[in-house]
Protein backbone atom coordinates (compact mmCIF):
# COMPACT_ATOMS: atom_id res chain seq x y z
CA MET A 1 0.00 0.00 0.00
CA ASN A 2 1.00 3.58 -0.50
CA SER A 3 1.03 4.58 3.18
CA GLY A 4 2.51 8.03 2.70
CA GLY A 5 -0.77 9.63 1.76
CA GLN A 6 0.66 10.92 -1.51
CA LYS A 7 -0.63 9.81 -4.86
CA LEU A 8 2.00 8.04 -6.90
CA GLY A 9 2.53 8.79 -10.57
CA PHE A 10 3.39 6.11 -13.10
CA ARG A 11 7.09 6.98 -12.92
CA GLU A 12 7.14 6.43 -9.15
CA ILE A 13 5.28 3.14 -9.54
CA ALA A 14 7.75 2.06 -12.23
CA ALA A 15 10.69 3.05 -10.01
CA THR A 16 9.32 1.02 -7.10
CA LEU A 17 8.73 -2.06 -9.25
CA ARG A 18 12.14 -1.63 -10.90
CA ALA A 19 13.82 -1.63 -7.50
CA ASP A 20 11.86 -4.72 -6.46
CA ILE A 21 12.94 -6.54 -9.62
CA LEU A 22 16.61 -5.60 -9.29
CA ASP A 23 16.58 -6.51 -5.58
CA GLY A 24 15.21 -9.96 -6.40
CA ARG A 25 11.78 -9.57 -4.84
CA TYR A 26 10.45 -10.53 -8.26
CA PRO A 27 13.04 -12.97 -9.66
CA THR A 28 13.77 -13.51 -13.32
CA ALA A 29 10.98 -15.49 -15.04
CA SER A 30 8.52 -14.87 -12.19
CA LEU A 31 5.13 -13.21 -12.65
CA LEU A 32 4.36 -9.76 -11.36
CA PRO A 33 1.10 -9.22 -9.46
CA SER A 34 -1.82 -8.35 -11.70
CA GLU A 35 -2.56 -4.74 -12.57
CA PRO A 36 -5.65 -4.63 -10.27
CA GLU A 37 -3.49 -5.93 -7.39
CA LEU A 38 -0.80 -3.35 -8.05
CA ALA A 39 -3.37 -0.57 -8.41
CA GLU A 40 -4.75 -1.46 -4.98
CA ARG A 41 -1.28 -1.74 -3.47
CA TYR A 42 -0.20 1.70 -4.69
CA GLY A 43 -3.57 3.43 -4.36
CA ALA A 44 -3.42 4.26 -8.05
CA SER A 45 -5.62 3.78 -11.09
CA ARG A 46 -5.11 0.80 -13.38
CA SER A 47 -4.23 3.19 -16.19
CA LEU A 48 -1.28 4.54 -14.18
CA VAL A 49 -0.13 1.01 -13.39
CA ASN A 50 -0.42 0.13 -17.06
CA ARG A 51 1.76 3.13 -18.00
CA ALA A 52 4.32 2.04 -15.39
CA MET A 53 4.36 -1.43 -16.93
CA SER A 54 4.95 0.10 -20.35
CA VAL A 55 7.99 1.93 -18.99
CA LEU A 56 9.43 -1.29 -17.57
CA ALA A 57 8.68 -3.18 -20.78
CA ALA A 58 10.49 -0.51 -22.80
CA GLU A 59 13.52 -1.05 -20.54
CA GLY A 60 13.41 -4.81 -21.14
CA LEU A 61 12.63 -5.60 -17.50
CA VAL A 62 9.19 -7.15 -18.03
CA ARG A 63 7.13 -8.58 -20.86
CA PRO A 64 3.38 -9.19 -21.04
CA ARG A 65 2.49 -12.70 -22.18
CA GLN A 66 -0.93 -13.57 -23.51
CA GLY A 67 -2.89 -15.53 -20.97
CA ARG A 68 -0.07 -15.54 -18.40
CA GLY A 69 0.27 -11.99 -17.11
CA THR A 70 3.45 -9.94 -16.96
CA ILE A 71 6.68 -11.91 -16.65
CA VAL A 72 9.98 -10.55 -15.31
CA THR A 73 12.56 -10.68 -18.10
CA TRP A 74 15.41 -8.87 -16.37
CA LEU A 75 18.74 -10.66 -16.59
CA PRO A 76 22.11 -9.41 -15.46
CA PRO A 77 24.04 -8.73 -18.68
CA MET A 78 26.20 -11.71 -19.65
CA LEU A 79 29.86 -11.00 -20.32
CA HIS A 80 30.89 -11.79 -23.88
CA SER A 81 34.65 -12.25 -23.93
CA ALA A 82 37.29 -14.64 -25.21
CA ALA A 83 37.21 -16.45 -21.87
CA ARG A 84 33.76 -17.89 -22.60
CA TYR A 85 35.28 -20.09 -25.31
CA ARG A 86 37.73 -21.86 -23.00
CA LYS A 87 37.18 -25.62 -23.08
CA ALA A 88 36.93 -25.88 -19.29
CA ASP A 89 34.20 -23.23 -19.19
CA ARG A 90 32.26 -24.61 -22.17
CA GLU A 91 32.21 -28.10 -20.68
CA ARG A 92 31.80 -27.26 -16.98
CA GLY A 93 29.28 -29.64 -15.41
CA ASP A 94 28.60 -31.28 -18.80
CA ALA A 95 27.36 -27.93 -20.14
CA LYS A 96 26.34 -27.93 -23.79
CA GLY A 97 28.56 -24.97 -24.64
CA ALA A 98 29.37 -21.47 -23.41
CA PHE A 99 25.75 -20.28 -23.22
CA ASP A 100 24.71 -23.30 -21.16
CA SER A 101 27.52 -22.69 -18.68
CA GLU A 102 26.81 -18.95 -18.39
CA VAL A 103 23.09 -19.38 -17.76
CA ARG A 104 23.61 -22.06 -15.14
CA ALA A 105 26.06 -19.74 -13.35
CA LEU A 106 23.19 -17.26 -13.01
CA GLY A 107 21.03 -19.92 -11.34
CA LEU A 108 18.74 -20.17 -14.36
CA ASP A 109 17.78 -23.08 -16.60
CA PRO A 110 19.15 -23.09 -20.17
CA THR A 111 16.94 -24.35 -22.99
CA HIS A 112 18.00 -25.00 -26.58
CA GLU A 113 15.47 -25.06 -29.42
CA ILE A 114 17.45 -26.55 -32.32
CA THR A 115 16.84 -27.20 -35.98
CA VAL A 116 19.41 -28.69 -38.36
CA GLU A 117 19.50 -28.52 -42.16
CA ARG A 118 21.77 -29.30 -45.07
CA VAL A 119 21.65 -26.09 -47.08
CA GLU A 120 23.17 -23.77 -49.62
CA PRO A 121 24.84 -21.20 -47.36
CA PRO A 122 24.67 -17.44 -47.93
CA ALA A 123 27.43 -16.19 -50.21
CA GLU A 124 29.40 -14.56 -47.40
CA VAL A 125 29.32 -17.77 -45.35
CA ALA A 126 30.36 -19.90 -48.32
CA ASP A 127 33.25 -17.52 -48.98
CA ALA A 128 34.37 -17.57 -45.35
CA LEU A 129 34.32 -21.39 -45.30
CA GLY A 130 36.07 -21.61 -48.66
CA LEU A 131 33.11 -23.39 -50.26
CA PRO A 132 31.74 -22.94 -53.78
CA ARG A 133 28.71 -20.67 -53.98
CA GLY A 134 25.32 -21.95 -55.08
CA GLN A 135 25.68 -25.51 -53.77
CA VAL A 136 24.14 -27.48 -50.91
CA ASN A 137 27.45 -27.99 -49.16
CA CYS A 138 26.88 -26.75 -45.62
CA LEU A 139 25.19 -27.85 -42.42
CA VAL A 140 23.49 -25.16 -40.36
CA ARG A 141 22.49 -25.63 -36.70
CA ARG A 142 19.98 -22.93 -35.76
CA ARG A 143 19.30 -22.41 -32.09
CA ARG A 144 16.92 -20.26 -30.11
CA LEU A 145 18.49 -20.12 -26.67
CA LEU A 146 16.43 -19.37 -23.57
CA ALA A 147 17.20 -18.72 -19.91
CA SER A 148 14.36 -20.02 -17.72
CA GLY A 149 11.98 -19.58 -20.63
CA ILE A 150 13.23 -16.12 -21.67
CA PRO A 151 14.68 -15.96 -25.22
CA VAL A 152 18.11 -14.36 -25.11
CA ARG A 153 19.98 -15.58 -28.21
CA LEU A 154 19.40 -16.57 -31.82
CA ASN A 155 22.37 -18.57 -33.06
CA ALA A 156 23.20 -20.17 -36.39
CA THR A 157 26.34 -22.26 -36.83
CA TRP A 158 27.53 -23.14 -40.34
CA VAL A 159 29.94 -26.05 -40.88
CA PRO A 160 31.07 -27.60 -44.17
CA LEU A 161 28.97 -30.64 -44.97
CA SER A 162 32.13 -32.59 -45.72
CA ILE A 163 32.93 -32.32 -41.99
CA ALA A 164 29.46 -32.40 -40.43
CA GLU A 165 27.40 -34.92 -42.38
CA ASN A 166 26.40 -38.06 -40.47
CA THR A 167 27.98 -36.78 -37.25
CA VAL A 168 26.65 -35.59 -33.90
CA LEU A 169 26.39 -32.11 -35.43
CA GLU A 170 23.32 -33.28 -37.35
CA GLU A 171 21.42 -34.16 -34.19
CA ALA A 172 18.67 -31.59 -33.57
CA ALA A 173 19.10 -31.72 -29.81
CA PRO A 174 21.46 -30.29 -27.18
CA VAL A 175 23.59 -33.42 -26.98
CA ILE A 176 27.08 -31.97 -27.50
CA THR A 177 28.99 -31.41 -24.25
CA GLY A 178 31.05 -28.27 -24.76
CA GLY A 179 29.11 -27.23 -27.85
CA VAL A 180 30.14 -27.13 -31.50
CA LYS A 181 33.81 -26.39 -30.81
CA SER A 182 34.18 -29.55 -28.73
CA ALA A 183 32.34 -31.58 -31.37
CA LEU A 184 34.64 -30.29 -34.10
CA ALA A 185 37.69 -31.05 -31.99
CA ASP A 186 36.45 -34.62 -31.46
CA LEU A 187 36.02 -34.92 -35.24
CA GLY A 188 39.65 -33.92 -35.78
CA TYR A 189 39.20 -30.18 -36.37
CA PRO A 190 40.32 -28.41 -33.19
CA GLN A 191 40.25 -24.65 -33.57
CA ALA A 192 43.37 -22.63 -32.92
CA GLU A 193 42.03 -19.10 -33.41
CA ALA A 194 38.77 -17.23 -33.90
CA LYS A 195 37.74 -13.82 -35.15
CA GLU A 196 34.59 -11.88 -34.30
CA ARG A 197 32.86 -9.00 -36.04
CA ILE A 198 30.41 -7.19 -33.77
CA VAL A 199 27.66 -4.77 -34.76
CA PRO A 200 26.71 -3.43 -31.33
CA SER A 201 23.31 -1.94 -32.01
CA ARG A 202 20.59 -2.10 -34.65
CA LEU A 203 16.83 -2.52 -34.71
CA PRO A 204 15.52 -6.05 -35.19
CA THR A 205 13.39 -7.26 -38.06
CA ASP A 206 9.82 -8.32 -37.34
CA ALA A 207 10.83 -11.99 -37.40
CA GLU A 208 13.79 -11.39 -35.07
CA ALA A 209 11.70 -9.37 -32.61
CA GLN A 210 9.06 -12.11 -32.59
CA ALA A 211 11.60 -14.88 -31.99
CA LEU A 212 13.27 -12.92 -29.18
CA GLU A 213 9.90 -11.75 -27.82
CA ILE A 214 10.98 -8.11 -27.74
CA SER A 215 9.49 -4.95 -29.17
CA ARG A 216 10.73 -3.57 -32.48
CA GLU A 217 12.13 -0.60 -30.52
CA ARG A 218 14.60 -2.72 -28.53
CA THR A 219 18.05 -2.78 -30.13
CA VAL A 220 19.95 -6.00 -30.83
CA THR A 221 23.62 -6.91 -31.16
CA ASP A 222 25.00 -8.94 -34.09
CA ILE A 223 28.12 -11.10 -33.66
CA VAL A 224 29.74 -13.05 -36.50
CA HIS A 225 32.25 -15.58 -35.14
CA THR A 226 34.69 -17.36 -37.46
CA GLY A 227 36.91 -20.17 -36.18
CA HIS A 228 39.81 -21.87 -37.93
CA THR A 229 42.26 -24.68 -37.33
CA ALA A 230 46.01 -24.33 -36.87
CA ASP A 231 46.58 -24.70 -40.60
CA GLY A 232 44.23 -21.78 -41.31
CA ARG A 233 41.16 -23.71 -42.48
CA VAL A 234 37.88 -22.07 -41.45
CA VAL A 235 35.62 -24.80 -40.07
CA GLU A 236 32.90 -22.78 -38.31
CA VAL A 237 30.94 -19.61 -38.88
CA THR A 238 28.50 -18.77 -36.09
CA THR A 239 26.15 -15.81 -36.07
CA THR A 240 24.63 -14.61 -32.81
CA LEU A 241 21.79 -12.16 -32.36
CA ALA A 242 20.92 -10.96 -28.86
CA PRO A 243 18.99 -8.09 -27.28
CA ALA A 244 21.68 -5.50 -26.65
CA HIS A 245 20.76 -5.05 -22.99
CA TYR A 246 21.62 -8.70 -22.27
CA LEU A 247 25.28 -8.34 -23.33
CA VAL A 248 28.45 -6.72 -22.07
CA ILE A 249 31.29 -7.18 -24.55
CA GLU A 250 34.87 -7.26 -23.34
CA HIS A 251 38.03 -8.10 -25.28
CA THR A 252 41.66 -8.24 -24.21
CA PHE A 253 44.34 -7.55 -26.82
CA PRO A 254 48.11 -6.95 -26.83
CA LEU A 255 49.60 -3.47 -27.13
CA ASN A 256 52.92 -3.25 -28.95
C-alpha cells in the first residue's frame, strides 16, 4: 500500500517495481502481481499502473504474455569475452557450450530449441568457409536459446557438410557437451584461433523481434564468429543475435 498519503505517478510506480525486480523480490521469469493488485497496493488507477508497466517493458525488465500476465525478463548482462570459449568453461558440469555454462552460473535453466538442415549457405558464409557458392554444401544448426523460458539468443552455426554430415552435429538436440567447438575437436578439427565482427546496435526485423519476444524498438547486437584450425582452415561460422541489454562485450588484446 501507498502509506505516505501521496498519490504516486506512473514513474514512481515504475521506479518502485524496478527496485523490487533488481533486488530480487520478483526474480527472473517470475510473474508480477496483476494490474488490479498493483493498483490497490499503490492506491493508483489501473491506467497509471499500465503506463508504469509500459515503462518497464520498454527497458526490457518485463514482458506481457498472452494468458499468463506480466513476466519478469530482467537478466544481469552476460559477459561476452574470449574467456567464454575456453574448453573448461564450455564443458563445466557437462554444459552444452558457453551459453549453457553462463546461464547455469546465473542460477537459471538453459533451454535449446534446435533445428538442423543441409543447405546452400549465404554467399558470405560460403566464402568464409572456402566453399563454392550456389551448392548445398553446408550444415546449419539454428538455435533459439532461452534462460528459464526467456529468449536471449538466436544462433546459427555453419559447418562444411564434408565435416558435419552423419555426425553428432546433425542431431537436432542439445547433446554436445562443450558445444560445436568440442564436437569439431572430437572430429579432428580443433580450432586454434577465432575472429569476431560485432555490430553493437541495430533494430531487429519483425521476425527477429518475434523470436526474441521483444518490441521492435529494442536494439539487438549482431556477432559473427569465425573459427579456424592451426593450418588456417575455417571450419565454423556462427552468427549470434541478442537483445543488446543482455550483453556486455569485453576483449583483451596486446599493445605493442
